[in-house]
Amino acid sequence: MIAILGGAFIAAVVGEIVIRQRVDVAKNKSYKDQYINKRHMMFEFLLIMMYLMILSTSTFTEKTLYAFLLLFMSVMFLIRAFLDFAFRKAENRHYITAMYVVICLAASVIVLAV
């Protein structure tokens, strides 16, 4: 499992470097720049709290826990990619966020297959 997560992390780093070389992507000046607005930030915090409540009430195997975590992250990145595309298309951040969605989904499938 750790090897899969490590591979996904390396793929994300390499993918982000490649995308930033090919497309002009605006960099975040502060931590809050990754959110569209305060409602988006609160929505993500709410989703995280709901996810933690689901995990605290259920018992999962390690494989299922990692798969759910990666699926949850892909949903979060999918929402962020949509909002980036809809509201900040000129900054081209949706390319990197869409890459994160694909990596999280692929890693989730690999975790379930192994």
N, C-alpha and C. Protein backbone atom coordinates (compact mmCIF):
# COMPACT_ATOMS: atom_id res chain seq x y z
N MET A 1 0.82 -1.19 0.00
CA MET A 1 0.00 0.00 0.00
C MET A 1 0.86 1.26 0.00
N ILE A 2 1.91 1.23 0.80
CA ILE A 2 2.79 2.39 0.87
C ILE A 2 3.48 2.62 -0.48
N ALA A 3 3.83 1.54 -1.17
CA ALA A 3 4.46 1.67 -2.48
C ALA A 3 3.50 2.31 -3.48
N ILE A 4 2.23 1.96 -3.40
CA ILE A 4 1.24 2.54 -4.31
C ILE A 4 1.08 4.03 -4.02
N LEU A 5 0.99 4.38 -2.75
CA LEU A 5 0.86 5.80 -2.39
C LEU A 5 2.11 6.58 -2.76
N GLY A 6 3.28 5.97 -2.57
CA GLY A 6 4.53 6.62 -2.97
C GLY A 6 4.61 6.81 -4.47
N GLY A 7 4.17 5.80 -5.22
CA GLY A 7 4.14 5.92 -6.68
C GLY A 7 3.18 6.99 -7.14
N ALA A 8 2.03 7.09 -6.48
CA ALA A 8 1.07 8.14 -6.82
C ALA A 8 1.64 9.52 -6.53
N PHE A 9 2.37 9.65 -5.42
CA PHE A 9 2.99 10.93 -5.08
C PHE A 9 4.03 11.31 -6.12
N ILE A 10 4.86 10.36 -6.52
CA ILE A 10 5.88 10.64 -7.54
C ILE A 10 5.23 10.99 -8.86
N ALA A 11 4.15 10.27 -9.22
CA ALA A 11 3.43 10.59 -10.46
C ALA A 11 2.85 11.99 -10.41
N ALA A 12 2.35 12.41 -9.25
CA ALA A 12 1.79 13.76 -9.12
C ALA A 12 2.87 14.82 -9.28
N VAL A 13 4.03 14.59 -8.69
CA VAL A 13 5.13 15.56 -8.80
C VAL A 13 5.60 15.67 -10.24
N VAL A 14 5.83 14.53 -10.88
CA VAL A 14 6.31 14.54 -12.27
C VAL A 14 5.24 15.13 -13.18
N GLY A 15 3.98 14.75 -12.97
CA GLY A 15 2.89 15.28 -13.80
C GLY A 15 2.74 16.78 -13.66
N GLU A 16 2.87 17.28 -12.44
CA GLU A 16 2.76 18.73 -12.24
C GLU A 16 3.90 19.47 -12.92
N ILE A 17 5.10 18.93 -12.86
CA ILE A 17 6.24 19.56 -13.53
C ILE A 17 6.01 19.59 -15.04
N VAL A 18 5.54 18.48 -15.60
CA VAL A 18 5.30 18.42 -17.04
C VAL A 18 4.20 19.40 -17.46
N ILE A 19 3.12 19.44 -16.70
CA ILE A 19 2.02 20.36 -17.04
C ILE A 19 2.47 21.80 -16.92
N ARG A 20 3.21 22.13 -15.88
CA ARG A 20 3.68 23.51 -15.71
C ARG A 20 4.65 23.92 -16.82
N GLN A 21 5.38 22.96 -17.41
CA GLN A 21 6.27 23.29 -18.52
C GLN A 21 5.50 23.54 -19.81
N ARG A 22 4.39 22.82 -19.99
CA ARG A 22 3.63 22.92 -21.24
C ARG A 22 2.56 24.00 -21.22
N VAL A 23 1.98 24.26 -20.05
CA VAL A 23 0.88 25.22 -19.93
C VAL A 23 1.27 26.26 -18.90
N ASP A 24 0.93 27.51 -19.17
CA ASP A 24 1.22 28.58 -18.21
C ASP A 24 0.18 28.52 -17.09
N VAL A 25 0.60 28.01 -15.93
CA VAL A 25 -0.28 27.84 -14.78
C VAL A 25 0.11 28.85 -13.71
N ALA A 26 -0.88 29.59 -13.22
CA ALA A 26 -0.61 30.58 -12.17
C ALA A 26 -0.25 29.87 -10.87
N LYS A 27 0.77 30.38 -10.19
CA LYS A 27 1.19 29.79 -8.91
C LYS A 27 0.41 30.42 -7.77
N ASN A 28 0.22 29.64 -6.70
CA ASN A 28 -0.44 30.16 -5.50
C ASN A 28 0.51 31.09 -4.76
N LYS A 29 0.02 32.28 -4.42
CA LYS A 29 0.84 33.20 -3.64
C LYS A 29 0.68 32.94 -2.15
N SER A 30 -0.46 32.41 -1.76
CA SER A 30 -0.68 32.03 -0.36
C SER A 30 -1.50 30.75 -0.34
N TYR A 31 -1.65 30.17 0.84
CA TYR A 31 -2.38 28.92 0.98
C TYR A 31 -3.83 29.05 0.53
N LYS A 32 -4.45 30.19 0.78
CA LYS A 32 -5.86 30.38 0.46
C LYS A 32 -6.12 30.55 -1.03
N ASP A 33 -5.08 30.71 -1.84
CA ASP A 33 -5.27 30.88 -3.28
C ASP A 33 -5.78 29.62 -3.95
N GLN A 34 -5.66 28.47 -3.30
CA GLN A 34 -6.13 27.24 -3.92
C GLN A 34 -7.66 27.12 -3.86
N TYR A 35 -8.31 27.94 -3.04
CA TYR A 35 -9.76 27.91 -2.93
C TYR A 35 -10.36 29.03 -3.76
N ILE A 36 -11.55 28.78 -4.31
CA ILE A 36 -12.22 29.79 -5.13
C ILE A 36 -12.68 30.95 -4.25
N ASN A 37 -13.34 30.63 -3.16
CA ASN A 37 -13.79 31.64 -2.20
C ASN A 37 -13.97 30.97 -0.84
N LYS A 38 -14.47 31.72 0.13
CA LYS A 38 -14.62 31.17 1.48
C LYS A 38 -15.66 30.06 1.54
N ARG A 39 -16.70 30.15 0.72
CA ARG A 39 -17.71 29.08 0.70
C ARG A 39 -17.09 27.77 0.22
N HIS A 40 -16.23 27.84 -0.78
CA HIS A 40 -15.56 26.64 -1.26
C HIS A 40 -14.69 26.03 -0.16
N MET A 41 -13.98 26.86 0.56
CA MET A 41 -13.13 26.38 1.65
C MET A 41 -13.98 25.72 2.74
N MET A 42 -15.09 26.34 3.12
CA MET A 42 -15.96 25.77 4.14
C MET A 42 -16.60 24.47 3.66
N PHE A 43 -16.94 24.42 2.37
CA PHE A 43 -17.52 23.20 1.80
C PHE A 43 -16.53 22.04 1.88
N GLU A 44 -15.27 22.30 1.57
CA GLU A 44 -14.26 21.24 1.68
C GLU A 44 -14.07 20.81 3.12
N PHE A 45 -14.06 21.74 4.06
CA PHE A 45 -13.95 21.36 5.47
C PHE A 45 -15.15 20.52 5.90
N LEU A 46 -16.35 20.88 5.43
CA LEU A 46 -17.55 20.11 5.76
C LEU A 46 -17.45 18.69 5.20
N LEU A 47 -16.99 18.56 3.96
CA LEU A 47 -16.82 17.23 3.37
C LEU A 47 -15.81 16.40 4.15
N ILE A 48 -14.74 17.01 4.58
CA ILE A 48 -13.73 16.29 5.36
C ILE A 48 -14.33 15.82 6.68
N MET A 49 -15.10 16.65 7.34
CA MET A 49 -15.72 16.26 8.60
C MET A 49 -16.71 15.11 8.40
N MET A 50 -17.48 15.17 7.31
CA MET A 50 -18.41 14.08 7.02
C MET A 50 -17.66 12.78 6.76
N TYR A 51 -16.56 12.87 6.03
CA TYR A 51 -15.75 11.69 5.74
C TYR A 51 -15.20 11.10 7.04
N LEU A 52 -14.71 11.94 7.92
CA LEU A 52 -14.17 11.44 9.20
C LEU A 52 -15.26 10.83 10.06
N MET A 53 -16.49 11.36 10.01
CA MET A 53 -17.58 10.76 10.77
C MET A 53 -17.93 9.38 10.23
N ILE A 54 -17.91 9.23 8.91
CA ILE A 54 -18.18 7.91 8.31
C ILE A 54 -17.11 6.92 8.74
N LEU A 55 -15.85 7.34 8.72
CA LEU A 55 -14.77 6.44 9.12
C LEU A 55 -14.84 6.07 10.59
N SER A 56 -15.26 7.00 11.42
CA SER A 56 -15.29 6.73 12.86
C SER A 56 -16.43 5.80 13.26
N THR A 57 -17.47 5.72 12.44
CA THR A 57 -18.60 4.85 12.78
C THR A 57 -18.52 3.49 12.13
N SER A 58 -17.62 3.29 11.19
CA SER A 58 -17.52 2.02 10.47
C SER A 58 -16.13 1.43 10.65
N THR A 59 -16.07 0.13 10.49
CA THR A 59 -14.77 -0.54 10.52
C THR A 59 -14.48 -1.07 9.13
N PHE A 60 -13.31 -0.78 8.64
CA PHE A 60 -12.90 -1.19 7.31
C PHE A 60 -11.58 -1.93 7.39
N THR A 61 -11.30 -2.71 6.37
CA THR A 61 -9.97 -3.30 6.26
C THR A 61 -9.02 -2.22 5.77
N GLU A 62 -7.74 -2.49 5.87
CA GLU A 62 -6.75 -1.49 5.45
C GLU A 62 -6.90 -1.17 3.96
N LYS A 63 -7.12 -2.18 3.16
CA LYS A 63 -7.27 -1.99 1.71
C LYS A 63 -8.47 -1.09 1.40
N THR A 64 -9.59 -1.37 2.03
CA THR A 64 -10.80 -0.57 1.80
C THR A 64 -10.63 0.85 2.31
N LEU A 65 -9.96 1.00 3.42
CA LEU A 65 -9.73 2.33 3.99
C LEU A 65 -8.91 3.20 3.04
N TYR A 66 -7.82 2.64 2.49
CA TYR A 66 -7.02 3.39 1.53
C TYR A 66 -7.81 3.70 0.26
N ALA A 67 -8.60 2.74 -0.21
CA ALA A 67 -9.39 2.97 -1.42
C ALA A 67 -10.41 4.08 -1.19
N PHE A 68 -11.10 4.07 -0.04
CA PHE A 68 -12.05 5.13 0.27
C PHE A 68 -11.36 6.48 0.41
N LEU A 69 -10.19 6.49 1.01
CA LEU A 69 -9.45 7.74 1.16
C LEU A 69 -9.10 8.32 -0.21
N LEU A 70 -8.61 7.49 -1.11
CA LEU A 70 -8.25 7.97 -2.44
C LEU A 70 -9.48 8.38 -3.25
N LEU A 71 -10.58 7.65 -3.09
CA LEU A 71 -11.82 8.05 -3.77
C LEU A 71 -12.33 9.39 -3.23
N PHE A 72 -12.25 9.57 -1.93
CA PHE A 72 -12.66 10.84 -1.33
C PHE A 72 -11.80 11.99 -1.86
N MET A 73 -10.49 11.75 -1.92
CA MET A 73 -9.60 12.80 -2.44
C MET A 73 -9.91 13.10 -3.90
N SER A 74 -10.26 12.09 -4.68
CA SER A 74 -10.58 12.34 -6.08
C SER A 74 -11.87 13.16 -6.21
N VAL A 75 -12.84 12.92 -5.33
CA VAL A 75 -14.07 13.73 -5.35
C VAL A 75 -13.75 15.17 -4.99
N MET A 76 -12.91 15.36 -3.98
CA MET A 76 -12.51 16.72 -3.59
C MET A 76 -11.81 17.44 -4.75
N PHE A 77 -10.89 16.73 -5.40
CA PHE A 77 -10.17 17.35 -6.52
C PHE A 77 -11.09 17.56 -7.72
N LEU A 78 -12.08 16.69 -7.91
CA LEU A 78 -13.02 16.86 -9.01
C LEU A 78 -13.85 18.13 -8.81
N ILE A 79 -14.31 18.35 -7.59
CA ILE A 79 -15.06 19.58 -7.29
C ILE A 79 -14.17 20.80 -7.50
N ARG A 80 -12.93 20.71 -7.05
CA ARG A 80 -12.01 21.84 -7.21
C ARG A 80 -11.70 22.09 -8.69
N ALA A 81 -11.55 21.02 -9.48
CA ALA A 81 -11.28 21.19 -10.91
C ALA A 81 -12.46 21.86 -11.60
N PHE A 82 -13.67 21.45 -11.25
CA PHE A 82 -14.85 22.07 -11.85
C PHE A 82 -14.92 23.56 -11.49
N LEU A 83 -14.70 23.88 -10.22
CA LEU A 83 -14.76 25.28 -9.80
C LEU A 83 -13.63 26.10 -10.43
N ASP A 84 -12.43 25.51 -10.53
CA ASP A 84 -11.33 26.21 -11.19
C ASP A 84 -11.66 26.47 -12.66
N PHE A 85 -12.24 25.48 -13.33
CA PHE A 85 -12.59 25.64 -14.73
C PHE A 85 -13.70 26.68 -14.90
N ALA A 86 -14.67 26.67 -14.01
CA ALA A 86 -15.81 27.58 -14.14
C ALA A 86 -15.46 29.02 -13.79
N PHE A 87 -14.64 29.22 -12.76
CA PHE A 87 -14.42 30.57 -12.25
C PHE A 87 -13.03 31.14 -12.55
N ARG A 88 -12.03 30.29 -12.73
CA ARG A 88 -10.67 30.79 -12.96
C ARG A 88 -10.02 30.08 -14.14
N LYS A 89 -10.72 30.03 -15.24
CA LYS A 89 -10.24 29.31 -16.41
C LYS A 89 -8.94 29.91 -16.95
N ALA A 90 -8.78 31.20 -16.85
CA ALA A 90 -7.60 31.87 -17.40
C ALA A 90 -6.31 31.49 -16.68
N GLU A 91 -6.42 31.06 -15.41
CA GLU A 91 -5.22 30.71 -14.65
C GLU A 91 -4.74 29.28 -14.92
N ASN A 92 -5.54 28.49 -15.62
CA ASN A 92 -5.19 27.13 -16.05
C ASN A 92 -4.88 26.17 -14.91
N ARG A 93 -5.40 26.41 -13.73
CA ARG A 93 -5.15 25.49 -12.61
C ARG A 93 -5.94 24.20 -12.74
N HIS A 94 -7.01 24.21 -13.55
CA HIS A 94 -7.85 23.03 -13.67
C HIS A 94 -7.10 21.86 -14.31
N TYR A 95 -6.06 22.13 -15.09
CA TYR A 95 -5.27 21.04 -15.68
C TYR A 95 -4.58 20.21 -14.60
N ILE A 96 -3.96 20.89 -13.67
CA ILE A 96 -3.25 20.19 -12.59
C ILE A 96 -4.24 19.47 -11.69
N THR A 97 -5.35 20.10 -11.38
CA THR A 97 -6.34 19.47 -10.51
C THR A 97 -6.96 18.25 -11.18
N ALA A 98 -7.21 18.32 -12.48
CA ALA A 98 -7.74 17.16 -13.20
C ALA A 98 -6.73 16.01 -13.19
N MET A 99 -5.44 16.34 -13.27
CA MET A 99 -4.41 15.30 -13.19
C MET A 99 -4.46 14.61 -11.83
N TYR A 100 -4.68 15.38 -10.76
CA TYR A 100 -4.79 14.79 -9.42
C TYR A 100 -6.00 13.86 -9.32
N VAL A 101 -7.10 14.21 -9.98
CA VAL A 101 -8.28 13.34 -9.98
C VAL A 101 -7.93 12.00 -10.61
N VAL A 102 -7.28 12.04 -11.76
CA VAL A 102 -6.92 10.80 -12.46
C VAL A 102 -5.96 9.96 -11.62
N ILE A 103 -4.97 10.59 -11.01
CA ILE A 103 -4.00 9.84 -10.19
C ILE A 103 -4.69 9.20 -8.99
N CYS A 104 -5.58 9.93 -8.32
CA CYS A 104 -6.28 9.36 -7.16
C CYS A 104 -7.19 8.21 -7.57
N LEU A 105 -7.90 8.35 -8.69
CA LEU A 105 -8.75 7.25 -9.14
C LEU A 105 -7.94 6.03 -9.53
N ALA A 106 -6.83 6.25 -10.24
CA ALA A 106 -5.98 5.12 -10.63
C ALA A 106 -5.38 4.43 -9.41
N ALA A 107 -4.92 5.20 -8.45
CA ALA A 107 -4.36 4.60 -7.24
C ALA A 107 -5.42 3.84 -6.45
N SER A 108 -6.64 4.35 -6.43
CA SER A 108 -7.72 3.65 -5.73
C SER A 108 -8.03 2.31 -6.38
N VAL A 109 -8.06 2.29 -7.70
CA VAL A 109 -8.30 1.03 -8.42
C VAL A 109 -7.16 0.05 -8.18
N ILE A 110 -5.93 0.54 -8.20
CA ILE A 110 -4.78 -0.33 -7.96
C ILE A 110 -4.80 -0.89 -6.55
N VAL A 111 -5.17 -0.07 -5.58
CA VAL A 111 -5.24 -0.55 -4.18
C VAL A 111 -6.28 -1.66 -4.06
N LEU A 112 -7.43 -1.50 -4.71
CA LEU A 112 -8.46 -2.53 -4.63
C LEU A 112 -8.06 -3.79 -5.40
N ALA A 113 -7.27 -3.64 -6.46
CA ALA A 113 -6.87 -4.79 -7.27
C ALA A 113 -5.76 -5.61 -6.62
N VAL A 114 -4.96 -4.98 -5.79
CA VAL A 114 -3.81 -5.68 -5.19
C VAL A 114 -4.25 -6.49 -4.00
